[in-house]
């Protein structure tokens, strides 16, 4: 999620809070989004590279799990997928 997408999501959450302030978990969600936005504004190039590498590693691991589940002879095909 880019900084502009994150800002847009924050605006949407704030609109939901105004519409229904008693919605559960919205204030916690909004606080996490604000913290992430502040962190992203001050992150270095190395921080961004590390975050992208971590995301790619997670994506490849998920693809590997899904590919193993499609093979009927694999152990992974016999158990449900684990999402982290």
Protein backbone atom coordinates (compact mmCIF):
# COMPACT_ATOMS: atom_id res chain seq x y z
CA UNK A 1 0.00 0.00 0.00
CA UNK A 2 1.47 3.34 -1.01
CA UNK A 3 1.40 6.46 1.15
CA UNK A 4 -1.40 7.93 -0.97
CA UNK A 5 -3.45 4.72 -0.71
CA UNK A 6 -2.85 4.67 3.03
CA UNK A 7 -3.99 8.29 3.32
CA UNK A 8 -7.11 7.46 1.32
CA UNK A 9 -7.86 4.50 3.59
CA UNK A 10 -7.47 6.75 6.65
CA UNK A 11 -9.94 9.24 5.19
CA UNK A 12 -12.42 6.42 4.57
CA UNK A 13 -12.05 5.10 8.12
CA UNK A 14 -12.50 8.59 9.56
CA UNK A 15 -15.70 8.96 7.51
CA UNK A 16 -16.96 5.66 8.93
CA UNK A 17 -16.19 6.83 12.46
CA UNK A 18 -18.20 10.00 11.87
CA UNK A 19 -21.10 8.00 10.44
CA UNK A 20 -21.15 5.46 13.27
CA UNK A 21 -18.80 6.24 16.17
CA UNK A 22 -19.73 3.09 18.09
CA UNK A 23 -18.42 0.69 15.44
CA UNK A 24 -16.16 -1.84 17.19
CA UNK A 25 -12.40 -1.81 16.50
CA UNK A 26 -12.56 1.24 14.22
CA UNK A 27 -10.60 3.49 16.56
CA UNK A 28 -7.89 0.83 17.01
CA UNK A 29 -7.74 0.35 13.26
CA UNK A 30 -7.48 4.09 12.71
CA UNK A 31 -4.65 4.35 15.25
CA UNK A 32 -2.73 1.54 13.51
CA UNK A 33 -3.18 3.19 10.12
CA UNK A 34 -1.94 6.54 11.47
CA UNK A 35 1.09 4.84 13.05
CA UNK A 36 1.89 3.09 9.78
CA UNK A 37 1.53 6.35 7.83
CA UNK A 38 3.91 8.14 10.22
CA UNK A 39 6.38 5.26 9.99
CA UNK A 40 6.28 5.31 6.21
CA UNK A 41 6.88 9.06 6.07
CA UNK A 42 10.15 8.64 7.98
CA UNK A 43 11.36 5.34 6.53
CA UNK A 44 14.62 5.11 4.62
CA UNK A 45 15.24 3.44 1.29
CA UNK A 46 16.70 0.42 3.11
CA UNK A 47 13.55 0.11 5.23
CA UNK A 48 11.40 0.08 2.11
CA UNK A 49 13.62 -2.52 0.42
CA UNK A 50 13.47 -4.76 3.51
CA UNK A 51 9.68 -4.44 3.67
CA UNK A 52 9.33 -5.33 -0.02
CA UNK A 53 11.69 -8.31 0.32
CA UNK A 54 9.71 -9.59 3.29
CA UNK A 55 6.46 -9.24 1.36
CA UNK A 56 7.89 -11.09 -1.66
CA UNK A 57 9.20 -13.90 0.55
CA UNK A 58 5.74 -14.25 2.10
CA UNK A 59 4.10 -14.30 -1.35
CA UNK A 60 6.48 -16.99 -2.63
CA UNK A 61 5.90 -19.11 0.47
CA UNK A 62 2.12 -18.89 -0.03
CA UNK A 63 2.46 -19.87 -3.70
CA UNK A 64 4.61 -22.84 -2.71
CA UNK A 65 1.99 -23.98 -0.18
CA UNK A 66 -0.80 -23.64 -2.74
CA UNK A 67 1.18 -25.53 -5.39
CA UNK A 68 1.89 -28.36 -2.95
CA UNK A 69 -1.79 -28.60 -2.07
CA UNK A 70 -2.69 -29.12 -5.73
CA UNK A 71 -0.44 -32.19 -5.96
CA UNK A 72 -2.50 -35.18 -4.77
CA UNK A 73 0.57 -37.15 -3.66
CA UNK A 74 1.91 -34.44 -1.35
CA UNK A 75 1.44 -34.33 2.40
CA UNK A 76 0.24 -30.71 2.10
CA UNK A 77 -2.68 -31.83 -0.04
CA UNK A 78 -3.99 -33.86 2.87
CA UNK A 79 -4.17 -30.97 5.35
CA UNK A 80 -5.83 -27.54 5.17
CA UNK A 81 -3.83 -24.45 4.23
CA UNK A 82 -2.25 -22.45 7.01
CA UNK A 83 -2.51 -18.70 6.61
CA UNK A 84 -0.35 -16.43 8.68
